Amino acid sequence: MRILAIDVGSNCLDWLMRCQEWGHQVLWYDKPRPDGTDRHAGEGIVPKIRDYDELRRKWLGWADLIYTPDNVSYLDMLEPYRRIGYPIYGCNLAAVEWELDREVGQKVMEECGMRIIPGKTFHDYDSAIAYVKKQGKAFVSKPSGDGERAMSYVADSAADMVYMLGRWNKIDKYRSAARKDGFILQEKISGIEMAVGGFFGPDGWSRGWVENWENKKLMNGDLGVNTGEMGTTVRVVRQSKLADEVLKPATEHLKRIGYIGYVDVNCMIPTDGKGPYPLEWTMRDGWPIRHNLTALIEGDPAQWMADKIQGRDTLEIRMDEVCISVLMALPDFPYSKITNKELCGIPIYGAEDMEHLHFSEVMMGTAPREVNGKVVDLPGPVTAGDYVLIATGTGETITGARRSAYSAIKKVKIPNSPFYRTDIGVGRLKKQLPDLQQMGYAKGLSY
């Protein structure tokens, strides 16, 4: 099969490598960095396309499967091709509004009969500050649009929220993003955070519900700044109470918009027994959760996606098995403002266990390596950015999956201070799991 991936942040190198191993022809277009320079991930590993016009003119028609692992770019360009039947797996224009326009996403949830957290949309910070002062309580701020994720914030108090709104108001790019896309302030709800996802296509949902718990904070103990995600705990199950409450009710809406791909809903579950509050839609593959799923999917990594586009569910995925993913990154992640020159070419040692390791910003390069007691310059994997690789591990229990993932990542050595969290799968989840299970969620998950 001829496979084209249209990427925006070097997400799907690992998937393309595995597709190559299965004998598929692959091509990868990876959107340039914000400064306009090329991304070097994958160089010497998979074939890459640099020219955007050539991508449109030549390669869309070449592919038997077109995979879009994110939803922030190129959907406008792809929509006409999608309408005439090009084999595109990933988010479409209608679905991206569910995720990026908070008001639209909340409205869809209401139409599906879900329990909604009260919220109010703003396009300027002064009005939001006045609102918080009047209400006198803590809020959660969430941006609309595809930028300025730093505007996602969970306040501890009204004063905390007012300070952050005032701080953002002094930064030009945040004011501009607020005017353009808006942001929502929602009441802060206490509860237990848990998400569930699934694969959707013309035939409906694929077998298996993806129950998952993400770790967004940079440091152990959920301290530090928000990141995209530092690691995820996943378990695919046949029956899921949370899926019954927040995924199945969206079935007809998803069919109506012709959605094909992964859908995930993150929820806050209060202990009042009245059900979850869905927080937000994710209408795309998540990272690193897609690596968790890669570790659990059996057989050809691409054929089931091509089949899903045609309305056939051929996904084979191991059920009731826990998978842990752990991101290994370099400074200055998660800010990612250091140039290509400073982050490219750092040797990656000990990355032989490709069953459990998943490359992201990695390329082939020459670097000092030790052979028979001598240091010589040899080709091998080197860094191509700060989001280097992900380790996964599976097991019947969380403890077993953690042991497998951390065994793999500890073998990897990178000069220049690589880091990763050591508490993925424990921490708050270990404390909250008994309460979740008492309410009927996460049945069968154990340590």
Protein backbone atom coordinates (compact mmCIF):
# COMPACT_ATOMS: atom_id res chain seq x y z
CA MET A 1 0.00 0.00 0.00
CA ARG A 2 1.17 3.56 -0.75
CA ILE A 3 0.89 5.71 2.38
CA LEU A 4 1.12 9.49 2.67
CA ALA A 5 1.26 11.18 6.09
CA ILE A 6 0.59 14.93 6.27
CA ASP A 7 1.97 15.98 9.65
CA VAL A 8 2.40 19.22 11.58
CA GLY A 9 4.86 18.37 14.36
CA SER A 10 6.85 15.19 13.66
CA ASN A 11 4.22 13.05 15.35
CA CYS A 12 3.98 9.98 13.16
CA LEU A 13 7.57 8.94 12.40
CA ASP A 14 7.21 5.80 14.50
CA TRP A 15 4.00 4.78 12.71
CA LEU A 16 5.65 5.31 9.30
CA MET A 17 8.66 3.23 10.36
CA ARG A 18 6.37 0.37 11.33
CA CYS A 19 4.44 0.71 8.06
CA GLN A 20 7.75 0.40 6.19
CA GLU A 21 8.57 -2.75 8.12
CA TRP A 22 5.27 -4.21 6.89
CA GLY A 23 6.32 -3.56 3.30
CA HIS A 24 4.31 -0.41 2.61
CA GLN A 25 5.66 2.50 0.58
CA VAL A 26 5.57 5.63 2.73
CA LEU A 27 5.98 9.38 2.20
CA TRP A 28 5.97 12.02 4.92
CA TYR A 29 5.20 15.71 4.67
CA ASP A 30 6.08 17.40 7.98
CA LYS A 31 5.04 21.05 8.26
CA PRO A 32 8.03 23.41 8.66
CA ARG A 33 8.84 24.87 12.07
CA PRO A 34 7.26 28.21 13.07
CA ASP A 35 10.46 30.00 11.99
CA GLY A 36 10.09 28.54 8.48
CA THR A 37 12.98 26.10 8.70
CA ASP A 38 12.58 22.46 7.72
CA ARG A 39 11.97 19.81 10.33
CA HIS A 40 14.74 17.20 10.22
CA ALA A 41 12.89 14.37 11.96
CA GLY A 42 12.93 11.20 9.91
CA GLU A 43 15.85 12.15 7.67
CA GLY A 44 17.65 8.98 6.66
CA ILE A 45 14.79 6.88 8.07
CA VAL A 46 11.72 7.49 5.88
CA PRO A 47 11.25 9.37 2.56
CA LYS A 48 10.14 12.98 3.03
CA ILE A 49 8.42 15.60 0.88
CA ARG A 50 9.60 19.19 1.32
CA ASP A 51 7.59 21.01 -1.36
CA TYR A 52 3.98 21.76 -0.38
CA ASP A 53 2.91 22.46 -3.97
CA GLU A 54 4.39 19.14 -5.05
CA LEU A 55 2.47 17.45 -2.23
CA ARG A 56 -0.82 18.77 -3.60
CA ARG A 57 0.02 18.34 -7.27
CA LYS A 58 1.60 14.90 -7.25
CA TRP A 59 1.32 12.89 -4.08
CA LEU A 60 -2.33 13.13 -2.98
CA GLY A 61 -3.38 11.12 -6.02
CA TRP A 62 -0.52 8.66 -5.52
CA ALA A 63 -1.61 7.48 -2.07
CA ASP A 64 -3.83 4.54 -1.16
CA LEU A 65 -4.05 5.95 2.39
CA ILE A 66 -3.66 9.58 3.46
CA TYR A 67 -3.18 10.00 7.21
CA THR A 68 -3.57 13.33 9.01
CA PRO A 69 -2.35 12.86 12.61
CA ASP A 70 -3.39 16.36 13.73
CA ASN A 71 -6.14 18.85 12.92
CA VAL A 72 -4.53 22.30 13.06
CA SER A 73 -3.41 22.58 9.42
CA TYR A 74 -4.28 21.54 5.87
CA LEU A 75 -7.92 20.56 6.49
CA ASP A 76 -9.14 23.31 4.14
CA MET A 77 -6.82 22.05 1.43
CA LEU A 78 -7.87 18.43 1.92
CA GLU A 79 -11.63 18.94 2.17
CA PRO A 80 -12.36 18.98 -1.62
CA TYR A 81 -10.35 15.78 -2.02
CA ARG A 82 -12.18 14.18 0.89
CA ARG A 83 -15.54 14.98 -0.71
CA ILE A 84 -14.65 13.20 -3.96
CA GLY A 85 -13.52 10.06 -2.19
CA TYR A 86 -9.79 10.36 -1.57
CA PRO A 87 -8.82 7.83 1.16
CA ILE A 88 -8.22 10.28 4.02
CA TYR A 89 -8.05 9.03 7.60
CA GLY A 90 -8.31 11.86 10.11
CA CYS A 91 -10.28 14.91 11.18
CA ASN A 92 -12.46 16.88 8.76
CA LEU A 93 -13.56 20.54 8.80
CA ALA A 94 -16.88 19.88 10.52
CA ALA A 95 -15.30 17.89 13.34
CA VAL A 96 -12.43 20.26 14.04
CA GLU A 97 -14.94 22.87 15.23
CA TRP A 98 -15.99 20.51 18.03
CA GLU A 99 -12.46 20.69 19.44
CA LEU A 100 -11.21 24.16 18.54
CA ASP A 101 -14.41 26.17 19.01
CA ARG A 102 -15.35 25.64 22.65
CA GLU A 103 -18.89 26.96 22.18
CA VAL A 104 -19.57 24.57 19.31
CA GLY A 105 -18.12 21.65 21.28
CA GLN A 106 -20.28 22.43 24.30
CA LYS A 107 -23.37 22.75 22.11
CA VAL A 108 -22.78 19.31 20.57
CA MET A 109 -22.40 17.82 24.05
CA GLU A 110 -25.70 19.38 25.09
CA GLU A 111 -27.43 18.07 21.97
CA CYS A 112 -26.12 14.60 22.84
CA GLY A 113 -27.71 14.86 26.30
CA MET A 114 -24.48 15.19 28.24
CA ARG A 115 -24.00 17.02 31.54
CA ILE A 116 -22.40 20.41 30.79
CA ILE A 117 -20.25 22.59 33.02
CA PRO A 118 -21.63 26.15 33.02
CA GLY A 119 -19.37 28.53 31.11
CA LYS A 120 -19.12 31.91 29.42
CA THR A 121 -17.17 32.93 26.30
CA PHE A 122 -15.04 36.09 26.15
CA HIS A 123 -13.00 37.88 23.49
CA ASP A 124 -11.23 40.36 25.77
CA TYR A 125 -9.55 40.05 29.15
CA ASP A 126 -11.01 43.15 30.78
CA SER A 127 -14.55 41.76 30.52
CA ALA A 128 -13.37 38.39 31.84
CA ILE A 129 -11.62 40.01 34.80
CA ALA A 130 -14.76 41.95 35.70
CA TYR A 131 -16.82 38.75 35.45
CA VAL A 132 -14.52 36.77 37.76
CA LYS A 133 -14.44 39.59 40.31
CA LYS A 134 -18.23 39.72 40.32
CA GLN A 135 -18.61 35.94 40.68
CA GLY A 136 -15.89 35.70 43.34
CA LYS A 137 -14.92 32.06 42.71
CA ALA A 138 -12.33 29.94 40.93
CA PHE A 139 -12.66 29.23 37.21
CA VAL A 140 -11.02 27.17 34.50
CA SER A 141 -9.87 29.09 31.41
CA LYS A 142 -9.73 27.31 28.05
CA PRO A 143 -8.82 28.87 24.69
CA SER A 144 -10.66 28.33 21.44
CA GLY A 145 -8.73 28.03 18.20
CA ASP A 146 -5.54 26.11 17.50
CA GLY A 147 -3.02 28.32 19.29
CA GLU A 148 -1.89 29.66 22.63
CA ARG A 149 -2.40 26.52 24.69
CA ALA A 150 -0.76 28.46 27.54
CA MET A 151 -4.17 30.07 28.02
CA SER A 152 -5.46 26.78 29.45
CA TYR A 153 -5.40 27.30 33.18
CA VAL A 154 -7.06 25.88 36.28
CA ALA A 155 -7.23 28.56 38.97
CA ASP A 156 -7.16 27.87 42.70
CA SER A 157 -9.14 31.01 43.53
CA ALA A 158 -10.80 34.07 42.02
CA ALA A 159 -7.68 36.12 42.79
CA ASP A 160 -5.52 33.54 41.03
CA MET A 161 -7.72 33.71 37.92
CA VAL A 162 -7.81 37.52 37.89
CA TYR A 163 -4.01 37.64 38.08
CA MET A 164 -3.55 35.25 35.14
CA LEU A 165 -6.11 37.08 33.01
CA GLY A 166 -4.32 40.35 33.75
CA ARG A 167 -0.98 38.78 32.90
CA TRP A 168 -2.22 37.48 29.54
CA ASN A 169 -3.74 40.90 28.83
CA LYS A 170 -0.24 42.39 28.80
CA ILE A 171 1.01 39.98 26.09
CA ASP A 172 0.23 40.97 22.50
CA LYS A 173 -0.07 37.45 21.08
CA TYR A 174 -2.51 36.39 23.82
CA ARG A 175 -4.68 39.47 23.32
CA SER A 176 -4.68 38.81 19.59
CA ALA A 177 -5.65 35.15 20.09
CA ALA A 178 -8.46 36.15 22.44
CA ARG A 179 -9.87 38.66 19.93
CA LYS A 180 -9.64 36.17 17.07
CA ASP A 181 -10.81 32.93 18.65
CA GLY A 182 -12.09 33.76 22.12
CA PHE A 183 -11.76 31.76 25.31
CA ILE A 184 -14.19 30.21 27.75
CA LEU A 185 -14.36 30.49 31.53
CA GLN A 186 -16.00 27.48 33.14
CA GLU A 187 -16.86 26.86 36.75
CA LYS A 188 -14.23 24.77 38.51
CA ILE A 189 -15.72 21.35 39.23
CA SER A 190 -14.20 18.93 41.73
CA GLY A 191 -13.92 15.31 40.75
CA ILE A 192 -11.73 12.65 39.15
CA GLU A 193 -10.32 13.17 35.68
CA MET A 194 -10.63 10.30 33.21
CA ALA A 195 -10.95 10.07 29.43
CA VAL A 196 -12.32 7.57 26.95
CA GLY A 197 -11.82 7.29 23.21
CA GLY A 198 -12.67 5.18 20.22
CA PHE A 199 -12.18 4.79 16.48
CA PHE A 200 -15.09 5.90 14.29
CA GLY A 201 -15.97 5.47 10.61
CA PRO A 202 -18.87 4.88 8.21
CA ASP A 203 -19.68 1.62 10.01
CA GLY A 204 -19.73 3.30 13.43
CA TRP A 205 -17.41 2.53 16.33
CA SER A 206 -14.62 -0.03 16.13
CA ARG A 207 -14.51 -2.72 18.77
CA GLY A 208 -12.81 -1.61 21.97
CA TRP A 209 -13.08 1.52 24.11
CA VAL A 210 -9.85 3.32 25.00
CA GLU A 211 -10.00 4.28 28.68
CA ASN A 212 -7.09 6.58 29.49
CA TRP A 213 -5.49 8.85 32.07
CA GLU A 214 -3.10 11.55 30.90
CA ASN A 215 -0.30 13.39 32.70
CA LYS A 216 0.01 16.91 31.30
CA LYS A 217 2.26 18.52 33.90
CA LEU A 218 6.00 18.58 33.30
CA MET A 219 7.14 17.19 36.65
CA ASN A 220 6.40 14.33 39.00
CA GLY A 221 3.47 14.90 41.30
CA ASP A 222 1.71 16.96 38.61
CA LEU A 223 3.94 19.95 39.31
CA GLY A 224 5.29 22.49 36.85
CA VAL A 225 3.94 23.87 33.59
CA ASN A 226 1.45 22.20 31.30
CA THR A 227 2.87 20.25 28.38
CA GLY A 228 1.12 18.49 25.53
CA GLU A 229 1.46 15.36 27.65
CA MET A 230 4.31 13.59 29.47
CA GLY A 231 2.78 10.13 29.50
CA THR A 232 -0.47 8.20 29.46
CA THR A 233 -2.04 5.14 31.06
CA VAL A 234 -4.31 3.23 28.66
CA ARG A 235 -6.54 0.19 28.81
CA VAL A 236 -8.77 -0.93 25.92
CA VAL A 237 -11.97 -2.62 27.09
CA ARG A 238 -15.05 -4.22 25.55
CA GLN A 239 -17.49 -2.47 27.89
CA SER A 240 -17.03 1.03 29.29
CA LYS A 241 -19.49 2.95 31.41
CA LEU A 242 -17.81 6.23 30.45
CA ALA A 243 -18.06 5.40 26.73
CA ASP A 244 -21.76 4.68 27.22
CA GLU A 245 -22.14 8.17 28.69
CA VAL A 246 -20.00 10.37 26.42
CA LEU A 247 -19.11 8.52 23.19
CA LYS A 248 -22.10 6.42 22.19
CA PRO A 249 -24.49 9.42 22.49
CA ALA A 250 -22.42 11.20 19.80
CA THR A 251 -22.80 8.40 17.24
CA GLU A 252 -25.44 10.05 15.05
CA HIS A 253 -23.68 13.42 15.15
CA LEU A 254 -20.44 11.78 14.00
CA LYS A 255 -22.20 9.93 11.18
CA ARG A 256 -23.88 13.16 10.08
CA ILE A 257 -20.54 14.96 9.64
CA GLY A 258 -18.84 11.96 8.01
CA TYR A 259 -16.12 11.64 10.62
CA ILE A 260 -13.36 9.04 10.21
CA GLY A 261 -10.69 8.70 12.88
CA TYR A 262 -10.08 8.73 16.61
CA VAL A 263 -12.40 10.56 19.03
CA ASP A 264 -11.55 11.16 22.68
CA VAL A 265 -13.51 12.91 25.43
CA ASN A 266 -11.78 13.99 28.63
CA CYS A 267 -14.14 14.12 31.61
CA MET A 268 -14.38 15.25 35.20
CA ILE A 269 -16.32 12.70 37.24
CA PRO A 270 -17.71 14.10 40.52
CA THR A 271 -18.35 11.67 43.34
CA ASP A 272 -22.03 12.70 43.52
CA GLY A 273 -23.07 9.72 41.40
CA LYS A 274 -24.82 11.90 38.79
CA GLY A 275 -22.40 11.09 35.99
CA PRO A 276 -19.46 12.79 34.29
CA TYR A 277 -18.96 16.31 33.05
CA PRO A 278 -17.32 16.06 29.60
CA LEU A 279 -14.57 18.68 29.41
CA GLU A 280 -13.54 18.72 25.77
CA TRP A 281 -13.47 16.82 22.49
CA THR A 282 -10.24 15.60 20.95
CA MET A 283 -11.03 15.02 17.27
CA ARG A 284 -7.70 13.52 16.19
CA ASP A 285 -5.07 11.12 17.40
CA GLY A 286 -3.48 12.22 20.66
CA TRP A 287 0.22 12.07 21.44
CA PRO A 288 1.61 10.02 23.07
CA ILE A 289 -1.62 8.00 23.40
CA ARG A 290 -1.32 6.88 19.78
CA HIS A 291 1.93 5.18 20.75
CA ASN A 292 0.08 3.33 23.53
CA LEU A 293 -2.37 2.11 20.91
CA THR A 294 0.42 1.16 18.50
CA ALA A 295 1.79 -1.07 21.26
CA LEU A 296 -1.60 -2.77 21.65
CA ILE A 297 -2.67 -3.06 17.99
CA GLU A 298 -1.79 -6.38 16.40
CA GLY A 299 -0.85 -6.97 12.78
CA ASP A 300 -0.51 -4.46 9.96
CA PRO A 301 -0.39 -0.91 11.41
CA ALA A 302 -2.12 0.68 8.39
CA GLN A 303 -4.51 -1.78 6.75
CA TRP A 304 -7.18 -1.43 9.45
CA MET A 305 -7.17 2.35 8.87
CA ALA A 306 -7.71 1.94 5.13
CA ASP A 307 -10.47 -0.56 5.88
CA LYS A 308 -12.12 1.84 8.34
CA ILE A 309 -12.41 4.47 5.62
CA GLN A 310 -14.39 1.89 3.62
CA GLY A 311 -16.64 1.08 6.57
CA ARG A 312 -15.00 -2.19 7.61
CA ASP A 313 -13.82 -2.80 11.16
CA THR A 314 -10.70 -4.98 10.94
CA LEU A 315 -8.93 -3.49 13.97
CA GLU A 316 -7.27 -6.16 16.09
CA ILE A 317 -6.28 -4.75 19.46
CA ARG A 318 -5.42 -6.47 22.72
CA MET A 319 -8.20 -5.98 25.25
CA ASP A 320 -7.92 -5.58 29.03
CA GLU A 321 -4.16 -5.09 28.86
CA VAL A 322 -2.60 -1.99 30.43
CA CYS A 323 -0.18 0.16 28.42
CA ILE A 324 1.96 2.94 29.86
CA SER A 325 3.71 5.55 27.70
CA VAL A 326 6.54 7.83 28.88
CA LEU A 327 7.96 10.78 26.93
CA MET A 328 11.70 11.45 26.89
CA ALA A 329 12.42 15.08 26.00
CA LEU A 330 15.26 17.59 25.98
CA PRO A 331 15.37 21.18 27.23
CA ASP A 332 13.75 23.59 26.42
CA PHE A 333 10.63 21.40 26.05
CA PRO A 334 7.77 22.27 26.39
CA TYR A 335 8.62 25.79 25.17
CA SER A 336 10.50 24.56 22.07
CA LYS A 337 12.10 27.90 21.25
CA ILE A 338 15.67 26.65 20.85
CA THR A 339 16.81 26.48 17.23
CA ASN A 340 17.23 23.39 15.08
CA LYS A 341 21.00 23.85 15.18
CA GLU A 342 21.18 23.52 18.96
CA LEU A 343 18.91 20.47 19.21
CA CYS A 344 19.84 18.43 16.14
CA GLY A 345 22.57 15.81 16.00
CA ILE A 346 22.81 14.81 19.67
CA PRO A 347 23.53 11.06 19.72
CA ILE A 348 20.95 8.65 21.09
CA TYR A 349 22.61 5.65 22.72
CA GLY A 350 20.95 2.39 23.73
CA ALA A 351 17.82 2.79 21.59
CA GLU A 352 17.76 -0.76 20.25
CA ASP A 353 14.47 -1.96 21.75
CA MET A 354 12.19 -0.74 18.97
CA GLU A 355 9.31 -2.88 20.21
CA HIS A 356 9.05 -0.54 23.20
CA LEU A 357 10.60 2.67 21.82
CA HIS A 358 8.85 5.05 19.44
CA PHE A 359 10.90 7.73 17.68
CA SER A 360 9.50 11.22 17.18
CA GLU A 361 12.06 13.99 16.61
CA VAL A 362 14.84 11.60 15.58
CA MET A 363 16.95 11.35 12.42
CA MET A 364 20.00 9.44 11.27
CA GLY A 365 23.35 11.16 11.73
CA THR A 366 27.01 10.58 12.43
CA ALA A 367 28.19 10.81 16.03
CA PRO A 368 30.84 9.31 18.35
CA ARG A 369 30.02 5.73 19.30
CA GLU A 370 31.98 3.15 21.24
CA VAL A 371 32.91 -0.04 19.38
CA ASN A 372 35.17 -2.69 20.93
CA GLY A 373 36.49 -0.19 23.45
CA LYS A 374 37.28 2.47 20.85
CA VAL A 375 35.40 5.70 20.10
CA VAL A 376 34.67 6.12 16.39
CA ASP A 377 32.29 8.28 14.37
CA LEU A 378 29.47 6.10 13.06
CA PRO A 379 25.95 6.63 11.68
CA GLY A 380 23.06 6.08 14.05
CA PRO A 381 20.00 7.74 15.56
CA VAL A 382 20.46 11.35 16.69
CA THR A 383 18.05 14.01 17.91
CA ALA A 384 16.12 16.28 15.54
CA GLY A 385 14.33 18.36 18.18
CA ASP A 386 13.34 18.38 21.84
CA TYR A 387 10.44 15.85 21.67
CA VAL A 388 12.71 12.86 21.19
CA LEU A 389 11.01 9.53 21.81
CA ILE A 390 8.37 7.66 23.76
CA ALA A 391 8.73 4.38 25.62
CA THR A 392 5.75 2.07 26.04
CA GLY A 393 5.22 -0.99 28.17
CA THR A 394 2.32 -3.39 28.50
CA GLY A 395 1.16 -5.76 31.20
CA GLU A 396 -1.85 -7.29 32.89
CA THR A 397 -1.56 -4.67 35.64
CA ILE A 398 -0.41 -1.05 35.88
CA THR A 399 2.64 -2.22 37.82
CA GLY A 400 3.60 -4.66 35.08
CA ALA A 401 3.14 -2.07 32.34
CA ARG A 402 5.19 0.48 34.27
CA ARG A 403 7.99 -2.01 34.80
CA SER A 404 8.13 -2.71 31.06
CA ALA A 405 8.04 0.96 29.96
CA TYR A 406 10.63 2.18 32.45
CA SER A 407 12.92 -0.77 31.76
CA ALA A 408 13.00 0.33 28.11
CA ILE A 409 13.49 4.05 28.71
CA LYS A 410 16.26 3.59 31.27
CA LYS A 411 18.42 1.94 28.60
CA VAL A 412 18.36 5.10 26.47
CA LYS A 413 21.18 7.60 27.07
CA ILE A 414 21.34 11.05 25.48
CA PRO A 415 23.91 13.77 26.27
CA ASN A 416 22.54 17.21 27.20
CA SER A 417 20.15 16.41 30.05
CA PRO A 418 17.23 14.34 28.75
CA PHE A 419 14.32 14.06 31.16
CA TYR A 420 11.09 12.13 31.73
CA ARG A 421 8.54 11.66 34.50
CA THR A 422 8.99 8.61 36.71
CA ASP A 423 5.44 8.51 38.10
CA ILE A 424 3.29 7.77 35.05
CA GLY A 425 0.55 5.37 36.14
CA VAL A 426 0.85 6.08 39.85
CA GLY A 427 0.35 9.28 41.84
CA ARG A 428 -3.23 10.54 41.73
CA LEU A 429 -4.55 7.57 39.74
CA LYS A 430 -3.55 5.13 42.47
CA LYS A 431 -5.45 7.23 45.03
CA GLN A 432 -8.51 7.77 42.83
CA LEU A 433 -8.96 4.31 41.32
CA PRO A 434 -10.99 2.87 44.25
CA ASP A 435 -13.46 5.78 44.03
CA LEU A 436 -13.75 5.40 40.25
CA GLN A 437 -14.44 1.69 40.53
CA GLN A 438 -16.99 2.22 43.28
CA MET A 439 -18.92 4.38 40.78
CA GLY A 440 -18.65 1.71 38.07
CA TYR A 441 -15.74 3.12 36.05
CA ALA A 442 -12.41 1.51 35.10
CA LYS A 443 -13.65 -1.95 36.03
CA GLY A 444 -10.91 -4.56 36.08
CA LEU A 445 -8.02 -2.10 36.16
CA SER A 446 -5.60 -2.99 38.93
CA TYR A 447 -2.10 -2.48 40.27
